[in-house]
Protein backbone atom coordinates (compact mmCIF):
# COMPACT_ATOMS: atom_id res chain seq x y z
CA MET A 1 3.40 1.48 -15.04
CA THR A 2 0.47 -0.63 -16.29
CA LEU A 3 -0.46 -3.94 -14.63
CA VAL A 4 -0.91 -6.85 -16.97
CA ARG A 5 -2.11 -9.25 -14.28
CA PRO A 6 -3.87 -8.86 -10.92
CA HIS A 7 -1.55 -8.25 -7.84
CA ASP A 8 -2.38 -8.27 -4.17
CA CYS A 9 -1.73 -5.20 -1.99
CA VAL A 10 1.17 -6.12 0.22
CA ARG A 11 -0.48 -4.36 3.21
CA CYS A 12 -4.06 -5.52 3.24
CA GLY A 13 -4.24 -8.19 0.56
CA ALA A 14 -6.85 -6.45 -1.64
CA THR A 15 -6.62 -7.47 -5.22
CA ILE A 16 -5.46 -4.76 -7.65
CA ARG A 17 -6.61 -5.51 -11.18
CA PRO A 18 -5.26 -4.11 -14.52
CA GLY A 19 -6.73 -0.81 -15.13
CA GLU A 20 -7.29 0.04 -11.47
CA GLU A 21 -5.46 2.71 -9.57
CA PHE A 22 -2.65 1.59 -7.25
CA GLY A 23 0.40 2.91 -5.42
CA ALA A 24 3.92 1.60 -6.22
CA VAL A 25 6.73 2.03 -3.82
CA ASP A 26 10.44 1.31 -4.77
CA VAL A 27 12.29 0.11 -1.70
CA LEU A 28 15.60 -1.59 -1.17
CA ASP A 29 15.31 -4.92 0.56
CA PRO A 30 18.23 -7.10 1.72
CA ASP A 31 18.25 -8.92 -1.68
CA GLY A 32 18.15 -5.79 -3.81
CA ASP A 33 15.56 -3.53 -5.26
CA LEU A 34 11.84 -4.43 -4.69
CA GLU A 35 8.84 -2.74 -6.00
CA VAL A 36 5.76 -2.92 -3.67
CA LEU A 37 2.23 -2.49 -4.88
CA LEU A 38 -0.43 -0.95 -2.62
CA CYS A 39 -4.09 -0.43 -3.13
CA PRO A 40 -5.13 3.30 -3.14
CA ASP A 41 -6.32 3.19 0.50
CA CYS A 42 -3.08 1.76 1.74
CA ALA A 43 -1.09 4.13 -0.41
CA ALA A 44 -2.94 7.01 1.19
CA ALA A 45 -2.27 5.62 4.63
CA LEU A 46 1.47 5.35 3.81
CA ARG A 47 1.40 8.93 2.50
CA ARG A 48 -0.18 10.13 5.85
CA PHE A 49 2.31 8.16 7.79
CA LEU A 50 5.25 9.63 5.86
CA ASP A 51 3.88 13.05 6.38
CA GLY A 52 4.08 12.51 10.19
CA ASP A 53 0.59 11.25 11.03
CA LEU A 54 1.67 8.23 13.13
CA ALA A 55 -1.87 6.97 13.58
CA ALA A 56 -2.02 6.20 9.89
CA ASP A 57 0.36 3.25 10.42
CA SER A 58 -2.27 1.30 12.43
CA ALA A 59 -5.23 2.35 10.29
CA GLY A 60 -6.96 -0.30 8.23
CA SER A 61 -7.80 0.14 4.59
CA ASP A 62 -11.10 1.71 5.61
CA GLY A 63 -9.30 4.29 7.81
CA THR A 64 -10.46 2.64 11.08
CA THR A 65 -8.04 1.61 13.77
CA ASP A 66 -7.91 -1.53 15.90
CA ALA A 67 -8.93 -0.54 19.42
CA SER A 68 -7.48 -3.76 21.01
């Protein structure tokens, strides 16, 4: 897939521009299929989470966690 216009990462809001790397996740929402775009950092965090690293769910795009 190639982007033809900028999109925001659904997790952190970072702008993904055409030509930049990104992650795409096909999910099924209540209204039907939905493709979600993630910046590379958030895509990596999702991969870690799916691999069983539960701390990845609370990690920010820079890999830090909120201590509050």
